[in-house]
Amino acid sequence: MRRACRARARTVLAGSSEVFCWCQRAIAETRKRAKSGRHAIHGVVINLALLDDALATAVTAAPSRLGGALFEGDTTDGFMTDA
């Protein structure tokens, strides 16, 4: 499924700019667990039972390289939200 989605995105979004962010797995897990109780919607959207699978998938994630500008960033130490 993931490969099919990536192939479709490359076709539909060809030439688009892309933002690809990453962080250490432990940081991602902490953030996801914290989000689940922060807003009511996150309790519905983030299924903590699926967190291990999502984190395993995230470890192998890579930019789609759509052909436009690629902006990459390591958010391990946080990120700016007011830029």
N, C-alpha and C. Protein backbone atom coordinates (compact mmCIF):
# COMPACT_ATOMS: atom_id res chain seq x y z
N MET A 1 0.82 -1.19 0.00
CA MET A 1 0.00 0.00 0.00
C MET A 1 0.87 1.26 0.00
N ARG A 2 1.89 1.26 0.84
CA ARG A 2 2.72 2.45 0.94
C ARG A 2 3.42 2.76 -0.38
N ARG A 3 3.91 1.73 -1.07
CA ARG A 3 4.57 1.95 -2.37
C ARG A 3 3.59 2.49 -3.39
N ALA A 4 2.39 1.97 -3.38
CA ALA A 4 1.37 2.44 -4.33
C ALA A 4 1.03 3.90 -4.06
N CYS A 5 0.91 4.27 -2.81
CA CYS A 5 0.61 5.66 -2.46
C CYS A 5 1.76 6.57 -2.87
N ARG A 6 2.99 6.12 -2.65
CA ARG A 6 4.16 6.92 -3.02
C ARG A 6 4.21 7.11 -4.54
N ALA A 7 3.94 6.05 -5.29
CA ALA A 7 3.97 6.14 -6.75
C ALA A 7 2.89 7.10 -7.25
N ARG A 8 1.72 7.03 -6.67
CA ARG A 8 0.62 7.94 -7.07
C ARG A 8 0.99 9.37 -6.71
N ALA A 9 1.55 9.58 -5.54
CA ALA A 9 1.94 10.94 -5.12
C ALA A 9 2.98 11.51 -6.08
N ARG A 10 3.92 10.69 -6.50
CA ARG A 10 4.95 11.17 -7.43
C ARG A 10 4.32 11.62 -8.76
N THR A 11 3.26 10.95 -9.16
CA THR A 11 2.59 11.32 -10.41
C THR A 11 1.73 12.57 -10.22
N VAL A 12 0.89 12.54 -9.21
CA VAL A 12 -0.05 13.64 -8.97
C VAL A 12 0.66 14.92 -8.54
N LEU A 13 1.71 14.77 -7.75
CA LEU A 13 2.40 15.94 -7.18
C LEU A 13 3.74 16.24 -7.84
N ALA A 14 3.98 15.68 -9.00
CA ALA A 14 5.26 15.87 -9.69
C ALA A 14 5.62 17.35 -9.77
N GLY A 15 6.84 17.66 -9.38
CA GLY A 15 7.34 19.02 -9.43
C GLY A 15 7.03 19.85 -8.19
N SER A 16 6.27 19.30 -7.28
CA SER A 16 5.91 20.04 -6.06
C SER A 16 7.08 20.11 -5.09
N SER A 17 7.06 21.14 -4.26
CA SER A 17 8.03 21.24 -3.18
C SER A 17 7.62 20.29 -2.07
N GLU A 18 8.59 19.87 -1.26
CA GLU A 18 8.32 18.89 -0.21
C GLU A 18 9.06 19.28 1.05
N VAL A 19 8.41 19.09 2.19
CA VAL A 19 9.04 19.27 3.49
C VAL A 19 9.09 17.90 4.15
N PHE A 20 10.29 17.46 4.52
CA PHE A 20 10.47 16.16 5.15
C PHE A 20 11.18 16.36 6.48
N CYS A 21 10.49 16.04 7.55
CA CYS A 21 11.06 16.20 8.90
C CYS A 21 11.23 14.84 9.55
N TRP A 22 12.22 14.75 10.42
CA TRP A 22 12.45 13.52 11.15
C TRP A 22 12.97 13.85 12.54
N CYS A 23 12.95 12.85 13.41
CA CYS A 23 13.54 12.96 14.74
C CYS A 23 13.86 11.55 15.22
N GLN A 24 14.52 11.46 16.35
CA GLN A 24 14.86 10.15 16.91
C GLN A 24 13.58 9.42 17.28
N ARG A 25 13.60 8.10 17.15
CA ARG A 25 12.40 7.28 17.41
C ARG A 25 11.84 7.52 18.81
N ALA A 26 12.69 7.57 19.81
CA ALA A 26 12.22 7.76 21.19
C ALA A 26 11.50 9.10 21.34
N ILE A 27 12.00 10.11 20.66
CA ILE A 27 11.37 11.43 20.70
C ILE A 27 10.00 11.37 20.03
N ALA A 28 9.93 10.71 18.88
CA ALA A 28 8.65 10.58 18.16
C ALA A 28 7.62 9.86 19.02
N GLU A 29 8.04 8.81 19.69
CA GLU A 29 7.12 8.06 20.54
C GLU A 29 6.60 8.93 21.69
N THR A 30 7.50 9.65 22.33
CA THR A 30 7.11 10.53 23.42
C THR A 30 6.11 11.57 22.94
N ARG A 31 6.38 12.15 21.79
CA ARG A 31 5.49 13.18 21.24
C ARG A 31 4.11 12.61 20.92
N LYS A 32 4.06 11.44 20.30
CA LYS A 32 2.77 10.84 19.94
C LYS A 32 1.96 10.49 21.18
N ARG A 33 2.63 9.93 22.19
CA ARG A 33 1.91 9.57 23.42
C ARG A 33 1.39 10.83 24.12
N ALA A 34 2.15 11.89 24.11
CA ALA A 34 1.73 13.14 24.75
C ALA A 34 0.54 13.76 24.00
N LYS A 35 0.55 13.65 22.69
CA LYS A 35 -0.53 14.23 21.87
C LYS A 35 -1.86 13.55 22.11
N SER A 36 -1.85 12.28 22.44
CA SER A 36 -3.09 11.52 22.53
C SER A 36 -4.04 12.09 23.57
N GLY A 37 -3.54 12.77 24.58
CA GLY A 37 -4.42 13.33 25.60
C GLY A 37 -4.55 14.84 25.55
N ARG A 38 -3.83 15.48 24.65
CA ARG A 38 -3.80 16.94 24.62
C ARG A 38 -5.10 17.55 24.07
N HIS A 39 -5.60 17.02 23.00
CA HIS A 39 -6.84 17.51 22.41
C HIS A 39 -7.76 16.32 22.20
N ALA A 40 -9.03 16.54 22.35
CA ALA A 40 -9.98 15.43 22.23
C ALA A 40 -9.82 14.66 20.93
N ILE A 41 -9.59 15.34 19.82
CA ILE A 41 -9.50 14.67 18.52
C ILE A 41 -8.32 13.70 18.47
N HIS A 42 -7.22 14.02 19.17
CA HIS A 42 -6.06 13.14 19.12
C HIS A 42 -6.34 11.78 19.77
N GLY A 43 -7.23 11.75 20.75
CA GLY A 43 -7.60 10.47 21.34
C GLY A 43 -8.29 9.56 20.35
N VAL A 44 -8.97 10.15 19.38
CA VAL A 44 -9.67 9.40 18.35
C VAL A 44 -8.72 9.07 17.20
N VAL A 45 -7.91 10.04 16.80
CA VAL A 45 -7.05 9.88 15.64
C VAL A 45 -5.83 9.03 15.93
N ILE A 46 -5.24 9.18 17.10
CA ILE A 46 -4.01 8.45 17.42
C ILE A 46 -4.37 7.21 18.23
N ASN A 47 -4.31 6.07 17.61
CA ASN A 47 -4.58 4.80 18.26
C ASN A 47 -3.27 4.29 18.83
N LEU A 48 -3.11 4.40 20.15
CA LEU A 48 -1.84 4.03 20.78
C LEU A 48 -1.50 2.55 20.59
N ALA A 49 -2.51 1.72 20.34
CA ALA A 49 -2.24 0.30 20.09
C ALA A 49 -1.48 0.11 18.79
N LEU A 50 -1.59 1.06 17.88
CA LEU A 50 -0.91 0.97 16.59
C LEU A 50 0.41 1.74 16.57
N LEU A 51 0.79 2.32 17.70
CA LEU A 51 1.96 3.18 17.75
C LEU A 51 3.24 2.47 17.36
N ASP A 52 3.46 1.25 17.83
CA ASP A 52 4.69 0.52 17.49
C ASP A 52 4.83 0.32 15.99
N ASP A 53 3.73 -0.04 15.32
CA ASP A 53 3.76 -0.22 13.87
C ASP A 53 4.06 1.09 13.16
N ALA A 54 3.44 2.15 13.64
CA ALA A 54 3.66 3.47 13.02
C ALA A 54 5.10 3.90 13.18
N LEU A 55 5.67 3.67 14.35
CA LEU A 55 7.07 4.07 14.59
C LEU A 55 8.03 3.22 13.75
N ALA A 56 7.73 1.94 13.59
CA ALA A 56 8.57 1.08 12.76
C ALA A 56 8.55 1.55 11.31
N THR A 57 7.39 1.97 10.86
CA THR A 57 7.26 2.49 9.50
C THR A 57 8.01 3.82 9.37
N ALA A 58 7.90 4.65 10.36
CA ALA A 58 8.54 5.97 10.32
C ALA A 58 10.06 5.86 10.21
N VAL A 59 10.63 4.83 10.80
CA VAL A 59 12.08 4.64 10.75
C VAL A 59 12.56 4.46 9.31
N THR A 60 11.73 3.91 8.46
CA THR A 60 12.11 3.66 7.07
C THR A 60 11.63 4.76 6.12
N ALA A 61 10.98 5.77 6.66
CA ALA A 61 10.44 6.84 5.82
C ALA A 61 11.57 7.63 5.16
N ALA A 62 11.29 8.11 3.98
CA ALA A 62 12.26 8.91 3.23
C ALA A 62 11.50 9.93 2.38
N PRO A 63 12.14 11.01 1.99
CA PRO A 63 11.46 11.98 1.13
C PRO A 63 10.96 11.31 -0.15
N SER A 64 9.87 11.81 -0.66
CA SER A 64 9.31 11.27 -1.90
C SER A 64 10.06 11.75 -3.13
N ARG A 65 10.78 12.85 -3.00
CA ARG A 65 11.56 13.44 -4.09
C ARG A 65 10.66 13.68 -5.30
N LEU A 66 9.78 14.65 -5.13
CA LEU A 66 8.76 14.96 -6.13
C LEU A 66 9.28 15.77 -7.30
N GLY A 67 10.51 16.26 -7.19
CA GLY A 67 11.09 17.01 -8.29
C GLY A 67 11.21 18.50 -8.03
N GLY A 68 10.47 19.01 -7.06
CA GLY A 68 10.57 20.41 -6.68
C GLY A 68 11.60 20.58 -5.57
N ALA A 69 11.54 21.71 -4.91
CA ALA A 69 12.46 21.96 -3.80
C ALA A 69 12.20 20.97 -2.67
N LEU A 70 13.27 20.52 -2.04
CA LEU A 70 13.16 19.59 -0.91
C LEU A 70 13.77 20.26 0.31
N PHE A 71 12.96 20.43 1.33
CA PHE A 71 13.41 21.01 2.59
C PHE A 71 13.39 19.90 3.63
N GLU A 72 14.54 19.64 4.22
CA GLU A 72 14.65 18.58 5.22
C GLU A 72 15.04 19.18 6.56
N GLY A 73 14.52 18.58 7.64
CA GLY A 73 14.86 19.09 8.95
C GLY A 73 14.77 18.04 10.03
N ASP A 74 15.73 18.08 10.94
CA ASP A 74 15.75 17.20 12.10
C ASP A 74 15.04 17.95 13.24
N THR A 75 13.91 17.43 13.71
CA THR A 75 13.15 18.10 14.76
C THR A 75 13.41 17.49 16.13
N THR A 76 14.49 16.73 16.27
CA THR A 76 14.81 16.10 17.56
C THR A 76 14.83 17.14 18.68
N ASP A 77 15.42 18.31 18.42
CA ASP A 77 15.51 19.34 19.45
C ASP A 77 14.36 20.34 19.38
N GLY A 78 13.31 19.97 18.69
CA GLY A 78 12.16 20.85 18.56
C GLY A 78 12.14 21.53 17.19
N PHE A 79 11.19 22.39 17.01
CA PHE A 79 11.05 23.09 15.74
C PHE A 79 10.36 24.41 15.99
N MET A 80 10.55 25.34 15.10
CA MET A 80 9.93 26.66 15.21
C MET A 80 8.53 26.61 14.62
N THR A 81 7.57 27.11 15.34
CA THR A 81 6.20 27.13 14.82
C THR A 81 5.76 28.53 14.45
N ASP A 82 6.57 29.54 14.73
CA ASP A 82 6.17 30.90 14.43
C ASP A 82 6.96 31.52 13.28
N ALA A 83 7.67 30.68 12.53
CA ALA A 83 8.50 31.19 11.42
C ALA A 83 7.66 31.53 10.22
